[in-house]
Amino acid sequence: MNGIGWRLVLTMAAWLAPSMAGAQERTWEWGWPMHPMWGLWGIWGFGMMLFMLLFWALVIIGIVLGIRWLVRQGRPEMSDSALEILRQRYARGEINREEFEAKRKDLQR
């Protein structure tokens, strides 16, 4: 490296040295023996973990329900109008039981 390269490296090191020392400082430790989020024997940490799991479960359930809804939008609604007409004719007495059963079996195939 030439002289300018070394000067640049030394300048960068001089600028970064205080920030590296600051990164090693434990600013959260206000004299407590553990991290503040683990207060009350770790209840806060477990609570945050449960809320995170609940959040992701809701996101996944929402995605699954959204996909199912979109898939159903593309399908035509199935109606069994022929069988309904057959039942109405049987109820009115236009056809007897044997005819109804035979035609119902034909429609279900």
N, C-alpha and C. Protein backbone atom coordinates (compact mmCIF):
# COMPACT_ATOMS: atom_id res chain seq x y z
N MET A 1 0.84 -1.18 0.00
CA MET A 1 0.00 0.00 0.00
C MET A 1 0.88 1.24 0.00
N ASN A 2 0.40 2.23 -0.65
CA ASN A 2 1.15 3.47 -0.69
C ASN A 2 0.81 4.30 0.55
N GLY A 3 1.41 5.45 0.66
CA GLY A 3 1.24 6.31 1.83
C GLY A 3 -0.19 6.78 2.03
N ILE A 4 -0.91 7.05 0.93
CA ILE A 4 -2.29 7.53 1.03
C ILE A 4 -3.19 6.41 1.55
N GLY A 5 -2.95 5.18 1.13
CA GLY A 5 -3.74 4.04 1.58
C GLY A 5 -3.61 3.82 3.08
N TRP A 6 -2.38 3.92 3.59
CA TRP A 6 -2.17 3.74 5.03
C TRP A 6 -2.82 4.87 5.82
N ARG A 7 -2.74 6.05 5.29
CA ARG A 7 -3.37 7.19 5.99
C ARG A 7 -4.89 7.00 6.06
N LEU A 8 -5.46 6.51 4.98
CA LEU A 8 -6.90 6.25 4.97
C LEU A 8 -7.27 5.17 5.98
N VAL A 9 -6.49 4.11 6.04
CA VAL A 9 -6.76 3.03 6.99
C VAL A 9 -6.64 3.55 8.42
N LEU A 10 -5.61 4.32 8.71
CA LEU A 10 -5.42 4.85 10.07
C LEU A 10 -6.51 5.85 10.43
N THR A 11 -6.95 6.65 9.47
CA THR A 11 -8.02 7.61 9.73
C THR A 11 -9.32 6.88 10.04
N MET A 12 -9.62 5.85 9.25
CA MET A 12 -10.84 5.07 9.50
C MET A 12 -10.77 4.38 10.86
N ALA A 13 -9.60 3.84 11.21
CA ALA A 13 -9.45 3.17 12.51
C ALA A 13 -9.64 4.17 13.64
N ALA A 14 -9.14 5.37 13.46
CA ALA A 14 -9.29 6.39 14.51
C ALA A 14 -10.76 6.79 14.66
N TRP A 15 -11.49 6.81 13.58
CA TRP A 15 -12.91 7.18 13.64
C TRP A 15 -13.74 6.04 14.24
N LEU A 16 -13.37 4.79 13.92
CA LEU A 16 -14.15 3.65 14.37
C LEU A 16 -13.80 3.18 15.78
N ALA A 17 -12.65 3.52 16.29
CA ALA A 17 -12.23 3.04 17.61
C ALA A 17 -13.23 3.44 18.70
N PRO A 18 -13.69 4.69 18.78
CA PRO A 18 -14.65 5.02 19.84
C PRO A 18 -15.98 4.26 19.68
N SER A 19 -16.42 4.07 18.45
CA SER A 19 -17.68 3.35 18.27
C SER A 19 -17.54 1.88 18.62
N MET A 20 -16.38 1.29 18.39
CA MET A 20 -16.17 -0.10 18.78
C MET A 20 -16.16 -0.23 20.29
N ALA A 21 -15.59 0.74 20.98
CA ALA A 21 -15.61 0.71 22.44
C ALA A 21 -17.03 0.90 22.95
N GLY A 22 -17.80 1.75 22.29
CA GLY A 22 -19.19 1.95 22.69
C GLY A 22 -20.04 0.72 22.45
N ALA A 23 -19.73 -0.04 21.42
CA ALA A 23 -20.49 -1.24 21.13
C ALA A 23 -20.27 -2.30 22.19
N GLN A 24 -19.12 -2.27 22.87
CA GLN A 24 -18.83 -3.24 23.90
C GLN A 24 -19.47 -2.86 25.23
N GLU A 25 -19.88 -1.64 25.38
CA GLU A 25 -20.48 -1.21 26.63
C GLU A 25 -21.88 -1.80 26.76
N ARG A 26 -22.23 -2.23 27.93
CA ARG A 26 -23.54 -2.83 28.17
C ARG A 26 -24.45 -1.74 28.74
N THR A 27 -25.06 -0.98 27.86
CA THR A 27 -25.87 0.16 28.31
C THR A 27 -27.16 -0.28 28.98
N TRP A 28 -27.62 -1.48 28.74
CA TRP A 28 -28.88 -1.94 29.30
C TRP A 28 -28.74 -2.43 30.73
N GLU A 29 -27.54 -2.53 31.22
CA GLU A 29 -27.32 -3.22 32.47
C GLU A 29 -27.40 -2.31 33.69
N TRP A 30 -28.10 -1.36 33.81
CA TRP A 30 -28.25 -0.38 34.86
C TRP A 30 -28.02 -0.91 36.28
N GLY A 31 -27.05 -1.75 36.45
CA GLY A 31 -26.77 -2.32 37.76
C GLY A 31 -27.62 -3.54 38.07
N TRP A 32 -28.43 -3.99 37.14
CA TRP A 32 -29.25 -5.18 37.37
C TRP A 32 -28.45 -6.42 37.01
N PRO A 33 -28.74 -7.54 37.59
CA PRO A 33 -27.97 -8.75 37.27
C PRO A 33 -28.36 -9.38 35.95
N MET A 34 -29.48 -8.95 35.35
CA MET A 34 -29.89 -9.53 34.07
C MET A 34 -30.56 -8.47 33.21
N HIS A 35 -30.86 -8.84 31.99
CA HIS A 35 -31.48 -7.92 31.03
C HIS A 35 -32.87 -7.51 31.52
N PRO A 36 -33.27 -6.25 31.31
CA PRO A 36 -34.58 -5.79 31.81
C PRO A 36 -35.77 -6.55 31.22
N MET A 37 -35.66 -7.08 30.03
CA MET A 37 -36.76 -7.80 29.43
C MET A 37 -36.99 -9.16 30.10
N TRP A 38 -36.05 -9.60 30.92
CA TRP A 38 -36.21 -10.86 31.62
C TRP A 38 -36.64 -10.63 33.06
N GLY A 39 -37.24 -9.49 33.33
CA GLY A 39 -37.71 -9.20 34.68
C GLY A 39 -38.79 -10.16 35.13
N LEU A 40 -39.08 -10.16 36.40
CA LEU A 40 -40.08 -11.04 37.00
C LEU A 40 -39.81 -12.51 36.68
N TRP A 41 -38.59 -12.94 36.86
CA TRP A 41 -38.17 -14.32 36.66
C TRP A 41 -38.38 -14.79 35.22
N GLY A 42 -38.23 -13.93 34.27
CA GLY A 42 -38.30 -14.30 32.87
C GLY A 42 -39.69 -14.24 32.25
N ILE A 43 -40.67 -13.71 32.97
CA ILE A 43 -42.03 -13.65 32.45
C ILE A 43 -42.10 -12.79 31.20
N TRP A 44 -41.43 -11.65 31.19
CA TRP A 44 -41.50 -10.76 30.02
C TRP A 44 -40.94 -11.43 28.78
N GLY A 45 -39.84 -12.14 28.94
CA GLY A 45 -39.26 -12.82 27.78
C GLY A 45 -40.17 -13.90 27.24
N PHE A 46 -40.76 -14.69 28.12
CA PHE A 46 -41.69 -15.73 27.67
C PHE A 46 -42.95 -15.12 27.08
N GLY A 47 -43.42 -14.04 27.67
CA GLY A 47 -44.60 -13.36 27.13
C GLY A 47 -44.36 -12.85 25.73
N MET A 48 -43.19 -12.24 25.51
CA MET A 48 -42.87 -11.75 24.16
C MET A 48 -42.77 -12.90 23.17
N MET A 49 -42.21 -14.02 23.62
CA MET A 49 -42.09 -15.18 22.74
C MET A 49 -43.48 -15.70 22.37
N LEU A 50 -44.39 -15.78 23.34
CA LEU A 50 -45.74 -16.25 23.05
C LEU A 50 -46.48 -15.31 22.11
N PHE A 51 -46.32 -14.00 22.32
CA PHE A 51 -46.97 -13.05 21.41
C PHE A 51 -46.39 -13.14 20.01
N MET A 52 -45.11 -13.41 19.89
CA MET A 52 -44.51 -13.57 18.57
C MET A 52 -45.08 -14.81 17.88
N LEU A 53 -45.20 -15.91 18.63
CA LEU A 53 -45.78 -17.13 18.05
C LEU A 53 -47.24 -16.91 17.68
N LEU A 54 -47.98 -16.21 18.52
CA LEU A 54 -49.38 -15.90 18.21
C LEU A 54 -49.48 -15.04 16.95
N PHE A 55 -48.62 -14.04 16.84
CA PHE A 55 -48.62 -13.18 15.66
C PHE A 55 -48.39 -13.97 14.39
N TRP A 56 -47.36 -14.83 14.38
CA TRP A 56 -47.05 -15.60 13.18
C TRP A 56 -48.13 -16.63 12.89
N ALA A 57 -48.74 -17.20 13.93
CA ALA A 57 -49.85 -18.13 13.70
C ALA A 57 -51.01 -17.42 13.02
N LEU A 58 -51.33 -16.20 13.48
CA LEU A 58 -52.40 -15.43 12.86
C LEU A 58 -52.07 -15.05 11.41
N VAL A 59 -50.83 -14.72 11.15
CA VAL A 59 -50.42 -14.39 9.78
C VAL A 59 -50.58 -15.61 8.88
N ILE A 60 -50.12 -16.77 9.34
CA ILE A 60 -50.22 -17.99 8.52
C ILE A 60 -51.67 -18.39 8.31
N ILE A 61 -52.49 -18.32 9.36
CA ILE A 61 -53.91 -18.65 9.23
C ILE A 61 -54.58 -17.68 8.25
N GLY A 62 -54.24 -16.40 8.33
CA GLY A 62 -54.81 -15.43 7.40
C GLY A 62 -54.43 -15.72 5.96
N ILE A 63 -53.19 -16.11 5.73
CA ILE A 63 -52.75 -16.44 4.38
C ILE A 63 -53.50 -17.67 3.86
N VAL A 64 -53.63 -18.70 4.70
CA VAL A 64 -54.33 -19.93 4.29
C VAL A 64 -55.79 -19.62 3.97
N LEU A 65 -56.45 -18.87 4.84
CA LEU A 65 -57.86 -18.54 4.59
C LEU A 65 -58.01 -17.67 3.34
N GLY A 66 -57.08 -16.76 3.11
CA GLY A 66 -57.12 -15.94 1.91
C GLY A 66 -56.97 -16.76 0.65
N ILE A 67 -56.05 -17.71 0.68
CA ILE A 67 -55.86 -18.57 -0.49
C ILE A 67 -57.10 -19.43 -0.73
N ARG A 68 -57.67 -19.99 0.34
CA ARG A 68 -58.89 -20.79 0.18
C ARG A 68 -60.03 -19.95 -0.38
N TRP A 69 -60.15 -18.72 0.07
CA TRP A 69 -61.20 -17.84 -0.43
C TRP A 69 -61.00 -17.56 -1.92
N LEU A 70 -59.74 -17.28 -2.31
CA LEU A 70 -59.45 -17.01 -3.72
C LEU A 70 -59.73 -18.22 -4.60
N VAL A 71 -59.42 -19.42 -4.10
CA VAL A 71 -59.66 -20.63 -4.88
C VAL A 71 -61.16 -20.84 -5.06
N ARG A 72 -61.92 -20.58 -4.02
CA ARG A 72 -63.37 -20.76 -4.13
C ARG A 72 -64.02 -19.74 -5.06
N GLN A 73 -63.40 -18.57 -5.23
CA GLN A 73 -63.96 -17.55 -6.10
C GLN A 73 -63.95 -18.00 -7.55
N GLY A 74 -63.00 -18.84 -7.92
CA GLY A 74 -62.88 -19.28 -9.30
C GLY A 74 -63.83 -20.40 -9.69
N ARG A 75 -64.39 -21.09 -8.71
CA ARG A 75 -65.27 -22.22 -8.99
C ARG A 75 -66.70 -21.75 -9.16
N PRO A 76 -67.42 -22.33 -10.11
CA PRO A 76 -68.84 -22.02 -10.20
C PRO A 76 -69.57 -22.72 -9.05
N GLU A 77 -70.60 -22.08 -8.54
CA GLU A 77 -71.34 -22.66 -7.43
C GLU A 77 -72.14 -23.85 -7.94
N MET A 78 -71.98 -24.96 -7.27
CA MET A 78 -72.65 -26.18 -7.71
C MET A 78 -74.05 -26.23 -7.09
N SER A 79 -75.03 -26.40 -7.93
CA SER A 79 -76.39 -26.54 -7.44
C SER A 79 -76.96 -27.84 -7.99
N ASP A 80 -77.74 -28.49 -7.19
CA ASP A 80 -78.32 -29.77 -7.59
C ASP A 80 -79.79 -29.54 -7.95
N SER A 81 -80.00 -28.74 -9.00
CA SER A 81 -81.36 -28.36 -9.36
C SER A 81 -82.15 -29.53 -9.94
N ALA A 82 -81.49 -30.45 -10.64
CA ALA A 82 -82.22 -31.58 -11.22
C ALA A 82 -82.78 -32.48 -10.12
N LEU A 83 -81.99 -32.74 -9.10
CA LEU A 83 -82.46 -33.56 -7.99
C LEU A 83 -83.57 -32.84 -7.21
N GLU A 84 -83.46 -31.53 -7.09
CA GLU A 84 -84.50 -30.76 -6.41
C GLU A 84 -85.82 -30.81 -7.19
N ILE A 85 -85.75 -30.70 -8.50
CA ILE A 85 -86.96 -30.81 -9.33
C ILE A 85 -87.57 -32.20 -9.19
N LEU A 86 -86.72 -33.23 -9.16
CA LEU A 86 -87.20 -34.60 -9.00
C LEU A 86 -87.91 -34.76 -7.65
N ARG A 87 -87.35 -34.20 -6.61
CA ARG A 87 -87.99 -34.27 -5.28
C ARG A 87 -89.34 -33.54 -5.27
N GLN A 88 -89.41 -32.41 -5.96
CA GLN A 88 -90.68 -31.67 -6.01
C GLN A 88 -91.74 -32.47 -6.77
N ARG A 89 -91.36 -33.11 -7.87
CA ARG A 89 -92.31 -33.92 -8.62
C ARG A 89 -92.81 -35.10 -7.79
N TYR A 90 -91.91 -35.70 -7.02
CA TYR A 90 -92.30 -36.81 -6.15
C TYR A 90 -93.22 -36.30 -5.04
N ALA A 91 -92.93 -35.13 -4.50
CA ALA A 91 -93.77 -34.57 -3.44
C ALA A 91 -95.16 -34.22 -3.96
N ARG A 92 -95.26 -33.76 -5.19
CA ARG A 92 -96.57 -33.43 -5.78
C ARG A 92 -97.34 -34.67 -6.21
N GLY A 93 -96.67 -35.82 -6.26
CA GLY A 93 -97.34 -37.06 -6.65
C GLY A 93 -97.31 -37.31 -8.13
N GLU A 94 -96.50 -36.60 -8.88
CA GLU A 94 -96.42 -36.80 -10.33
C GLU A 94 -95.72 -38.10 -10.69
N ILE A 95 -94.79 -38.55 -9.83
CA ILE A 95 -94.10 -39.82 -10.07
C ILE A 95 -94.21 -40.67 -8.81
N ASN A 96 -94.09 -41.99 -8.98
CA ASN A 96 -94.16 -42.86 -7.81
C ASN A 96 -92.76 -43.11 -7.25
N ARG A 97 -92.68 -43.90 -6.17
CA ARG A 97 -91.42 -44.13 -5.48
C ARG A 97 -90.40 -44.85 -6.36
N GLU A 98 -90.83 -45.84 -7.13
CA GLU A 98 -89.91 -46.59 -7.97
C GLU A 98 -89.27 -45.69 -9.04
N GLU A 99 -90.09 -44.83 -9.65
CA GLU A 99 -89.55 -43.89 -10.65
C GLU A 99 -88.58 -42.90 -9.99
N PHE A 100 -88.96 -42.42 -8.81
CA PHE A 100 -88.09 -41.47 -8.10
C PHE A 100 -86.73 -42.09 -7.80
N GLU A 101 -86.71 -43.32 -7.27
CA GLU A 101 -85.45 -43.98 -6.93
C GLU A 101 -84.61 -44.25 -8.18
N ALA A 102 -85.24 -44.67 -9.24
CA ALA A 102 -84.51 -44.96 -10.49
C ALA A 102 -83.88 -43.69 -11.06
N LYS A 103 -84.64 -42.62 -11.10
CA LYS A 103 -84.12 -41.35 -11.65
C LYS A 103 -83.06 -40.74 -10.73
N ARG A 104 -83.24 -40.89 -9.43
CA ARG A 104 -82.25 -40.37 -8.48
C ARG A 104 -80.91 -41.08 -8.66
N LYS A 105 -80.96 -42.41 -8.84
CA LYS A 105 -79.73 -43.15 -9.07
C LYS A 105 -79.06 -42.72 -10.38
N ASP A 106 -79.86 -42.45 -11.40
CA ASP A 106 -79.30 -41.97 -12.67
C ASP A 106 -78.62 -40.61 -12.49
N LEU A 107 -79.23 -39.75 -11.72
CA LEU A 107 -78.65 -38.41 -11.51
C LEU A 107 -77.38 -38.44 -10.67
N GLN A 108 -77.26 -39.39 -9.78
CA GLN A 108 -76.09 -39.45 -8.91
C GLN A 108 -74.88 -40.08 -9.59
N ARG A 109 -75.04 -40.66 -10.73
CA ARG A 109 -73.89 -41.22 -11.44
C ARG A 109 -73.04 -40.19 -12.07
